[in-house]
C-alpha atoms as a PDB file:
ATOM      1  CA  MET A   1      40.538 -32.911  68.043  1.00  0.00           C
ATOM      2  CA  ARG A   2      38.291 -31.007  70.298  1.00  0.00           C
ATOM      3  CA  ILE A   3      35.638 -28.820  68.692  1.00  0.00           C
ATOM      4  CA  THR A   4      34.729 -25.916  70.876  1.00  0.00           C
ATOM      5  CA  ASN A   5      31.438 -24.017  70.882  1.00  0.00           C
ATOM      6  CA  GLU A   6      33.301 -21.044  69.467  1.00  0.00           C
ATOM      7  CA  LYS A   7      34.422 -23.040  66.421  1.00  0.00           C
ATOM      8  CA  ILE A   8      30.932 -24.454  65.939  1.00  0.00           C
ATOM      9  CA  ASN A   9      29.416 -20.944  66.018  1.00  0.00           C
ATOM     10  CA  SER A  10      32.043 -19.683  63.553  1.00  0.00           C
ATOM     11  CA  LEU A  11      31.428 -22.596  61.177  1.00  0.00           C
ATOM     12  CA  SER A  12      27.668 -22.058  61.397  1.00  0.00           C
ATOM     13  CA  LYS A  13      28.004 -18.367  60.538  1.00  0.00           C
ATOM     14  CA  SER A  14      30.253 -19.215  57.576  1.00  0.00           C
ATOM     15  CA  LEU A  15      27.752 -21.741  56.226  1.00  0.00           C
ATOM     16  CA  LYS A  16      24.869 -19.310  56.639  1.00  0.00           C
ATOM     17  CA  LYS A  17      26.819 -16.598  54.792  1.00  0.00           C
ATOM     18  CA  ARG A  18      27.611 -18.943  51.915  1.00  0.00           C
ATOM     19  CA  LEU A  19      23.983 -20.077  51.752  1.00  0.00           C
ATOM     20  CA  TYR A  20      22.803 -16.469  51.723  1.00  0.00           C
ATOM     21  CA  ILE A  21      25.194 -15.584  48.890  1.00  0.00           C
ATOM     22  CA  SER A  22      24.146 -18.691  46.934  1.00  0.00           C
ATOM     23  CA  ILE A  23      20.485 -17.757  47.296  1.00  0.00           C
ATOM     24  CA  LEU A  24      21.172 -14.190  46.126  1.00  0.00           C
ATOM     25  CA  LEU A  25      23.089 -15.467  43.099  1.00  0.00           C
ATOM     26  CA  ALA A  26      20.306 -17.918  42.243  1.00  0.00           C
ATOM     27  CA  LEU A  27      17.649 -15.208  42.523  1.00  0.00           C
ATOM     28  CA  PHE A  28      19.735 -12.803  40.409  1.00  0.00           C
ATOM     29  CA  THR A  29      20.272 -15.445  37.712  1.00  0.00           C
ATOM     30  CA  LEU A  30      16.571 -16.326  37.719  1.00  0.00           C
ATOM     31  CA  GLY A  31      15.626 -12.673  37.467  1.00  0.00           C
ATOM     32  CA  VAL A  32      17.950 -12.099  34.508  1.00  0.00           C
ATOM     33  CA  ASN A  33      16.575 -15.145  32.705  1.00  0.00           C
ATOM     34  CA  ILE A  34      12.973 -14.124  33.329  1.00  0.00           C
ATOM     35  CA  PHE A  35      13.641 -10.580  32.082  1.00  0.00           C
ATOM     36  CA  ALA A  36      15.408 -11.892  28.999  1.00  0.00           C
ATOM     37  CA  TRP A  37      12.528 -14.289  28.281  1.00  0.00           C
ATOM     38  CA  PHE A  38       9.870 -11.606  28.563  1.00  0.00           C
ATOM     39  CA  ALA A  39      11.920  -9.187  26.484  1.00  0.00           C
ATOM     40  CA  PHE A  40      12.379 -11.834  23.790  1.00  0.00           C
ATOM     41  CA  SER A  41       8.718 -12.831  23.927  1.00  0.00           C
ATOM     42  CA  ALA A  42       7.547  -9.236  23.608  1.00  0.00           C
ATOM     43  CA  GLN A  43       9.888  -8.571  20.702  1.00  0.00           C
ATOM     44  CA  ALA A  44       8.964 -11.795  18.930  1.00  0.00           C
ATOM     45  CA  GLY A  45       5.282 -11.146  19.504  1.00  0.00           C
ATOM     46  CA  LEU A  46       5.461  -7.659  17.973  1.00  0.00           C
ATOM     47  CA  GLU A  47       7.331  -8.902  14.963  1.00  0.00           C
ATOM     48  CA  LEU A  48       4.915 -11.749  14.441  1.00  0.00           C
ATOM     49  CA  ASP A  49       1.859  -9.510  14.753  1.00  0.00           C
ATOM     50  CA  ALA A  50       3.241  -6.979  12.304  1.00  0.00           C
ATOM     51  CA  THR A  51       4.196  -9.647   9.823  1.00  0.00           C
ATOM     52  CA  VAL A  52       0.854 -11.419   9.958  1.00  0.00           C
ATOM     53  CA  ALA A  53      -1.173  -8.222   9.805  1.00  0.00           C
ATOM     54  CA  SER A  54       0.796  -6.629   6.979  1.00  0.00           C
ATOM     55  CA  TRP A  55       0.751  -9.751   4.810  1.00  0.00           C
ATOM     56  CA  ASP A  56      -2.747 -10.990   5.612  1.00  0.00           C
ATOM     57  CA  VAL A  57      -4.115  -9.279   2.513  1.00  0.00           C
ATOM     58  CA  GLU A  58      -5.479 -10.967  -0.597  1.00  0.00           C
ATOM     59  CA  PHE A  59      -5.583  -9.644  -4.159  1.00  0.00           C
ATOM     60  CA  LYS A  60      -8.069 -11.309  -6.498  1.00  0.00           C
ATOM     61  CA  ASP A  61      -8.929 -11.051 -10.178  1.00  0.00           C
ATOM     62  CA  ASN A  62     -12.206 -12.965 -10.137  1.00  0.00           C
ATOM     63  CA  GLU A  63     -11.031 -16.134  -8.344  1.00  0.00           C
ATOM     64  CA  THR A  64      -7.378 -15.881  -9.339  1.00  0.00           C
ATOM     65  CA  ILE A  65      -5.013 -14.914  -6.513  1.00  0.00           C
ATOM     66  CA  LEU A  66      -2.564 -12.204  -7.538  1.00  0.00           C
ATOM     67  CA  SER A  67       0.423 -10.429  -6.043  1.00  0.00           C
ATOM     68  CA  ARG A  68       0.344  -6.714  -5.336  1.00  0.00           C
ATOM     69  CA  TYR A  69       2.195  -6.151  -8.628  1.00  0.00           C
ATOM     70  CA  ILE A  70      -0.118  -6.423 -11.628  1.00  0.00           C
ATOM     71  CA  VAL A  71       0.426  -6.098 -15.369  1.00  0.00           C
ATOM     72  CA  VAL A  72      -2.546  -4.997 -17.484  1.00  0.00           C
ATOM     73  CA  GLU A  73      -2.359  -5.669 -21.224  1.00  0.00           C
ATOM     74  CA  VAL A  74      -4.773  -4.048 -23.680  1.00  0.00           C
ATOM     75  CA  THR A  75      -4.952  -5.388 -27.235  1.00  0.00           C
ATOM     76  CA  LYS A  76      -6.914  -4.592 -30.413  1.00  0.00           C
ATOM     77  CA  MET A  77      -7.229  -0.947 -29.490  1.00  0.00           C
ATOM     78  CA  LYS A  78      -9.111   1.233 -31.958  1.00  0.00           C
ATOM     79  CA  PRO A  79     -11.631   4.097 -31.991  1.00  0.00           C
ATOM     80  CA  GLY A  80     -15.075   2.951 -30.878  1.00  0.00           C
ATOM     81  CA  MET A  81     -13.740  -0.224 -29.270  1.00  0.00           C
ATOM     82  CA  PRO A  82     -15.689  -1.793 -26.370  1.00  0.00           C
ATOM     83  CA  ASP A  83     -14.656  -0.271 -23.064  1.00  0.00           C
ATOM     84  CA  PHE A  84     -11.835  -2.238 -21.462  1.00  0.00           C
ATOM     85  CA  ASN A  85     -12.066  -2.942 -17.724  1.00  0.00           C
ATOM     86  CA  LYS A  86      -9.835  -4.756 -15.242  1.00  0.00           C
ATOM     87  CA  THR A  87     -11.100  -4.943 -11.645  1.00  0.00           C
ATOM     88  CA  ILE A  88      -9.002  -6.278  -8.762  1.00  0.00           C
ATOM     89  CA  THR A  89     -10.609  -6.987  -5.375  1.00  0.00           C
ATOM     90  CA  ILE A  90      -8.381  -6.464  -2.344  1.00  0.00           C
ATOM     91  CA  GLU A  91      -9.443  -8.046   0.963  1.00  0.00           C
ATOM     92  CA  ASN A  92      -7.998  -7.030   4.311  1.00  0.00           C
ATOM     93  CA  LYS A  93      -8.024 -10.277   6.281  1.00  0.00           C
ATOM     94  CA  SER A  94      -6.143  -8.873   9.264  1.00  0.00           C
ATOM     95  CA  ASP A  95      -7.588  -7.546  12.513  1.00  0.00           C
ATOM     96  CA  VAL A  96      -6.446  -3.951  12.002  1.00  0.00           C
ATOM     97  CA  GLN A  97      -7.482  -1.124   9.708  1.00  0.00           C
ATOM     98  CA  ALA A  98      -5.437  -0.606   6.559  1.00  0.00           C
ATOM     99  CA  SER A  99      -5.024   2.091   3.927  1.00  0.00           C
ATOM    100  CA  PHE A 100      -5.162   1.381   0.192  1.00  0.00           C
ATOM    101  CA  THR A 101      -3.390   3.274  -2.578  1.00  0.00           C
ATOM    102  CA  TYR A 102      -2.017   2.433  -6.005  1.00  0.00           C
ATOM    103  CA  GLU A 103       0.928   3.576  -8.096  1.00  0.00           C
ATOM    104  CA  ILE A 104       1.973   3.312 -11.725  1.00  0.00           C
ATOM    105  CA  ASP A 105       5.314   1.564 -12.144  1.00  0.00           C
ATOM    106  CA  GLY A 106       5.446   2.035 -15.921  1.00  0.00           C
ATOM    107  CA  ILE A 107       3.441   2.286 -19.133  1.00  0.00           C
ATOM    108  CA  ASP A 108       4.483   1.007 -22.567  1.00  0.00           C
ATOM    109  CA  LEU A 109       2.603   2.319 -25.586  1.00  0.00           C
ATOM    110  CA  LEU A 110       3.505   0.980 -29.042  1.00  0.00           C
ATOM    111  CA  GLY A 111       6.654  -0.474 -27.506  1.00  0.00           C
ATOM    112  CA  GLU A 112       7.761   2.895 -26.083  1.00  0.00           C
ATOM    113  CA  SER A 113       8.080   3.504 -22.335  1.00  0.00           C
ATOM    114  CA  LEU A 114       6.157   6.669 -21.602  1.00  0.00           C
ATOM    115  CA  ASP A 115       8.028   9.352 -19.675  1.00  0.00           C
ATOM    116  CA  LEU A 116       5.532  10.445 -17.029  1.00  0.00           C
ATOM    117  CA  THR A 117       7.881  12.826 -15.250  1.00  0.00           C
ATOM    118  CA  ASN A 118       6.940  16.501 -15.274  1.00  0.00           C
ATOM    119  CA  LYS A 119       3.394  15.643 -16.362  1.00  0.00           C
ATOM    120  CA  GLY A 120       1.742  17.181 -13.306  1.00  0.00           C
ATOM    121  CA  ASP A 121      -1.272  15.077 -12.337  1.00  0.00           C
ATOM    122  CA  ILE A 122      -0.343  11.801 -14.031  1.00  0.00           C
ATOM    123  CA  TYR A 123      -3.833  10.338 -13.740  1.00  0.00           C
ATOM    124  CA  ASN A 124      -5.442  13.408 -15.290  1.00  0.00           C
ATOM    125  CA  TYR A 125      -2.812  13.360 -18.035  1.00  0.00           C
ATOM    126  CA  LEU A 126      -3.539   9.721 -18.905  1.00  0.00           C
ATOM    127  CA  SER A 127      -7.278  10.323 -18.965  1.00  0.00           C
ATOM    128  CA  THR A 128      -7.146  13.401 -21.240  1.00  0.00           C
ATOM    129  CA  PHE A 129      -3.945  13.517 -23.326  1.00  0.00           C
ATOM    130  CA  TYR A 130      -4.546  10.696 -25.823  1.00  0.00           C
ATOM    131  CA  PRO A 131      -7.634  10.099 -27.993  1.00  0.00           C
ATOM    132  CA  PHE A 132      -8.297   7.141 -25.688  1.00  0.00           C
ATOM    133  CA  SER A 133      -8.644   7.601 -21.939  1.00  0.00           C
ATOM    134  CA  ILE A 134      -6.818   5.545 -19.284  1.00  0.00           C
ATOM    135  CA  GLN A 135      -8.703   5.816 -16.006  1.00  0.00           C
ATOM    136  CA  MET A 136      -7.971   4.358 -12.557  1.00  0.00           C
ATOM    137  CA  SER A 137     -10.112   4.405  -9.437  1.00  0.00           C
ATOM    138  CA  SER A 138     -10.855   2.603  -6.169  1.00  0.00           C
ATOM    139  CA  THR A 139     -14.063   2.288  -4.196  1.00  0.00           C
ATOM    140  CA  LYS A 140     -12.420   3.379  -0.923  1.00  0.00           C
ATOM    141  CA  SER A 141      -9.066   4.277   0.597  1.00  0.00           C
ATOM    142  CA  VAL A 142      -9.497   2.800   4.107  1.00  0.00           C
ATOM    143  CA  LEU A 143     -10.287  -0.860   4.775  1.00  0.00           C
ATOM    144  CA  ASN A 144     -11.628  -1.998   8.094  1.00  0.00           C
ATOM    145  CA  SER A 145     -10.798  -5.449   9.411  1.00  0.00           C
ATOM    146  CA  HIS A 146     -12.084  -8.113   6.966  1.00  0.00           C
ATOM    147  CA  ASP A 147     -13.143  -5.380   4.544  1.00  0.00           C
ATOM    148  CA  THR A 148     -12.725  -5.244   0.746  1.00  0.00           C
ATOM    149  CA  VAL A 149     -11.944  -2.574  -1.839  1.00  0.00           C
ATOM    150  CA  ASP A 150     -12.190  -2.751  -5.628  1.00  0.00           C
ATOM    151  CA  PHE A 151      -9.474  -1.227  -7.802  1.00  0.00           C
ATOM    152  CA  SER A 152     -10.518  -0.596 -11.409  1.00  0.00           C
ATOM    153  CA  LEU A 153      -8.516   0.244 -14.510  1.00  0.00           C
ATOM    154  CA  ASP A 154     -10.492   1.292 -17.586  1.00  0.00           C
ATOM    155  CA  VAL A 155      -9.454   2.163 -21.125  1.00  0.00           C
ATOM    156  CA  VAL A 156     -12.155   4.026 -23.062  1.00  0.00           C
ATOM    157  CA  TRP A 157     -11.856   5.087 -26.708  1.00  0.00           C
ATOM    158  CA  PRO A 158     -15.007   6.736 -28.043  1.00  0.00           C
ATOM    159  CA  TYR A 159     -15.256   7.528 -31.729  1.00  0.00           C
ATOM    160  CA  ASP A 160     -16.776  10.976 -32.148  1.00  0.00           C
ATOM    161  CA  SER A 161     -15.581  12.892 -35.198  1.00  0.00           C
ATOM    162  CA  ALA A 162     -17.566  15.975 -34.189  1.00  0.00           C
ATOM    163  CA  THR A 163     -15.623  16.486 -30.951  1.00  0.00           C
ATOM    164  CA  PRO A 164     -13.128  19.366 -31.469  1.00  0.00           C
ATOM    165  CA  LEU A 165     -10.301  17.935 -29.341  1.00  0.00           C
ATOM    166  CA  TYR A 166      -6.561  18.312 -29.833  1.00  0.00           C
ATOM    167  CA  PHE A 167      -3.754  16.210 -28.448  1.00  0.00           C
ATOM    168  CA  GLY A 168      -0.146  17.206 -27.881  1.00  0.00           C
ATOM    169  CA  GLN A 169       2.667  15.378 -29.541  1.00  0.00           C
ATOM    170  CA  ASP A 170       4.957  13.143 -27.502  1.00  0.00           C
ATOM    171  CA  GLU A 171       7.475  10.383 -28.198  1.00  0.00           C
ATOM    172  CA  VAL A 172       4.988   7.922 -29.711  1.00  0.00           C
ATOM    173  CA  TYR A 173       3.845  10.143 -32.589  1.00  0.00           C
ATOM    174  CA  SER A 174       5.510  10.327 -35.981  1.00  0.00           C
ATOM    175  CA  TYR A 175       5.010  12.621 -38.937  1.00  0.00           C
ATOM    176  CA  ASN A 176       2.110  12.028 -41.332  1.00  0.00           C
ATOM    177  CA  GLU A 177       1.707  14.387 -44.296  1.00  0.00           C
ATOM    178  CA  THR A 178      -2.070  13.826 -44.464  1.00  0.00           C
ATOM    179  CA  PHE A 179      -2.731  15.131 -40.927  1.00  0.00           C
ATOM    180  CA  ASN A 180      -3.732  18.673 -40.014  1.00  0.00           C
ATOM    181  CA  TYR A 181      -1.326  20.153 -37.479  1.00  0.00           C
ATOM    182  CA  PHE A 182      -1.880  23.028 -35.092  1.00  0.00           C
ATOM    183  CA  THR A 183       0.157  25.143 -32.716  1.00  0.00           C
ATOM    184  CA  LYS A 184      -1.255  26.402 -29.446  1.00  0.00           C
ATOM    185  CA  SER A 185      -1.037  29.847 -27.861  1.00  0.00           C
ATOM    186  CA  GLY A 186      -2.981  30.144 -24.604  1.00  0.00           C
ATOM    187  CA  SER A 187      -6.290  28.490 -25.420  1.00  0.00           C
ATOM    188  CA  THR A 188      -6.102  29.214 -29.159  1.00  0.00           C
ATOM    189  CA  TYR A 189      -5.143  26.571 -31.734  1.00  0.00           C
ATOM    190  CA  THR A 190      -3.778  27.833 -35.062  1.00  0.00           C
ATOM    191  CA  PRO A 191      -3.370  25.684 -38.220  1.00  0.00           C
ATOM    192  CA  THR A 192       0.255  25.351 -39.322  1.00  0.00           C
ATOM    193  CA  THR A 193       1.962  23.792 -42.313  1.00  0.00           C
ATOM    194  CA  ILE A 194       4.438  21.019 -41.580  1.00  0.00           C
ATOM    195  CA  ALA A 195       6.238  20.167 -44.811  1.00  0.00           C
ATOM    196  CA  ASN A 196       8.276  17.143 -43.786  1.00  0.00           C
ATOM    197  CA  ALA A 197       9.481  14.922 -40.948  1.00  0.00           C
ATOM    198  CA  THR A 198      12.427  17.208 -40.201  1.00  0.00           C
ATOM    199  CA  ALA A 199      10.150  20.193 -39.638  1.00  0.00           C
ATOM    200  CA  TYR A 200       7.826  18.027 -37.597  1.00  0.00           C
ATOM    201  CA  ASN A 201      10.578  16.733 -35.295  1.00  0.00           C
ATOM    202  CA  SER A 202      11.904  20.247 -34.671  1.00  0.00           C
ATOM    203  CA  GLN A 203       8.452  21.556 -33.675  1.00  0.00           C
ATOM    204  CA  LYS A 204       6.676  18.510 -32.263  1.00  0.00           C
ATOM    205  CA  SER A 205       6.734  19.718 -28.640  1.00  0.00           C
ATOM    206  CA  ASN A 206       4.203  22.400 -29.627  1.00  0.00           C
ATOM    207  CA  LEU A 207       2.178  20.541 -32.251  1.00  0.00           C
ATOM    208  CA  TYR A 208      -1.351  19.275 -31.848  1.00  0.00           C
ATOM    209  CA  LEU A 209      -3.759  17.072 -33.792  1.00  0.00           C
ATOM    210  CA  GLU A 210      -7.459  16.980 -34.364  1.00  0.00           C
ATOM    211  CA  LYS A 211      -9.101  14.015 -32.698  1.00  0.00           C
ATOM    212  CA  ASP A 212      -9.885  12.403 -36.063  1.00  0.00           C
ATOM    213  CA  ASP A 213      -6.215  12.373 -36.980  1.00  0.00           C
ATOM    214  CA  ALA A 214      -5.158  11.219 -33.508  1.00  0.00           C
ATOM    215  CA  ASP A 215      -7.734   8.416 -33.769  1.00  0.00           C
ATOM    216  CA  SER A 216      -6.382   7.402 -37.163  1.00  0.00           C
ATOM    217  CA  PHE A 217      -2.759   7.483 -36.029  1.00  0.00           C
ATOM    218  CA  PHE A 218      -3.197   5.330 -32.937  1.00  0.00           C
ATOM    219  CA  GLY A 219      -5.741   3.002 -34.532  1.00  0.00           C
ATOM    220  CA  MET A 220      -3.409   2.211 -37.430  1.00  0.00           C
ATOM    221  CA  MET A 221      -0.248   2.105 -35.319  1.00  0.00           C
ATOM    222  CA  CYS A 222      -1.719  -0.205 -32.639  1.00  0.00           C
ATOM    223  CA  HIS A 223      -2.949  -2.633 -35.291  1.00  0.00           C
ATOM    224  CA  GLN A 224       0.392  -2.597 -37.146  1.00  0.00           C
ATOM    225  CA  TYR A 225       2.447  -2.908 -33.949  1.00  0.00           C
ATOM    226  CA  GLU A 226       0.535  -5.978 -32.762  1.00  0.00           C
ATOM    227  CA  GLU A 227       0.733  -7.555 -36.221  1.00  0.00           C
ATOM    228  CA  ASP A 228       4.499  -7.009 -36.391  1.00  0.00           C
ATOM    229  CA  THR A 229       5.493  -7.896 -32.809  1.00  0.00           C
ATOM    230  CA  GLY A 230       2.713 -10.033 -31.359  1.00  0.00           C
ATOM    231  CA  SER A 231       2.844  -7.784 -28.266  1.00  0.00           C
ATOM    232  CA  PRO A 232      -0.021  -5.737 -26.795  1.00  0.00           C
ATOM    233  CA  CYS A 233      -0.318  -2.131 -27.929  1.00  0.00           C
ATOM    234  CA  LEU A 234      -0.685  -0.931 -24.325  1.00  0.00           C
ATOM    235  CA  ILE A 235       0.964  -2.434 -21.210  1.00  0.00           C
ATOM    236  CA  ILE A 236       0.452  -0.905 -17.763  1.00  0.00           C
ATOM    237  CA  ASP A 237       2.463  -1.982 -14.708  1.00  0.00           C
ATOM    238  CA  MET A 238       0.691  -1.183 -11.435  1.00  0.00           C
ATOM    239  CA  ARG A 239       1.534  -1.571  -7.765  1.00  0.00           C
ATOM    240  CA  LEU A 240      -1.312  -2.016  -5.254  1.00  0.00           C
ATOM    241  CA  ILE A 241      -0.299  -0.814  -1.790  1.00  0.00           C
ATOM    242  CA  VAL A 242      -1.970  -1.893   1.467  1.00  0.00           C
ATOM    243  CA  GLN A 243      -0.517  -0.594   4.740  1.00  0.00           C
ATOM    244  CA  GLN A 244      -1.565  -0.963   8.366  1.00  0.00           C
ATOM    245  CA  LEU A 245      -3.075   2.063  10.042  1.00  0.00           C
ATOM    246  CA  ASN A 246      -1.826   2.755  13.553  1.00  0.00           C
ATOM    247  CA  ASP A 247      -4.433   3.000  16.280  1.00  0.00           C
END
């Protein structure tokens, strides 16, 4: 068979066209793979950074490592008791700034879960409503990289019979015929006679006690509750929150 120059030229053009198409397909495939790799790498890198930064935080009670959920138990509560303190140190070990806040998940007093809804400023309520004061604070709200903050929870119960303080009645109180009860109108407290538990329960939302009587009630009840149940008189569930700050 005779191969003419025309056939050779035609075959050469066909081969060149196929080679050109093959090269284009190879470049397109390579480009897609490279794009997919960089997209995956960028996504994986962002997820990794966020995970490491958000979890590279340490909570310590002295040398004991804790989680961000803490349970504080206070026992042997009574008027004039030594001040109770629990301090947790939080260290930001990441390379970014972080904010620090805390929240109350629940409080049990004498085995009753306190209803803290509709109490306004919860922290002010806990520090002023009862004859003892529950106080929470932190040394700062923003942590720089490799910075620390101390969260403190204190329970203080001074015994001062001369202090003319009154405390509203909530779910943990019960009637005691030896106590002096008061009603409140504006800023004025007026003595009132409460003859029995039925009268007390019907009026308790507007009844108040002198501090001496409130001291006596909680002192006796905390002691009796711990004797009967073996459980702490006061249990506070807290959540410590550390979040990254965006640049």
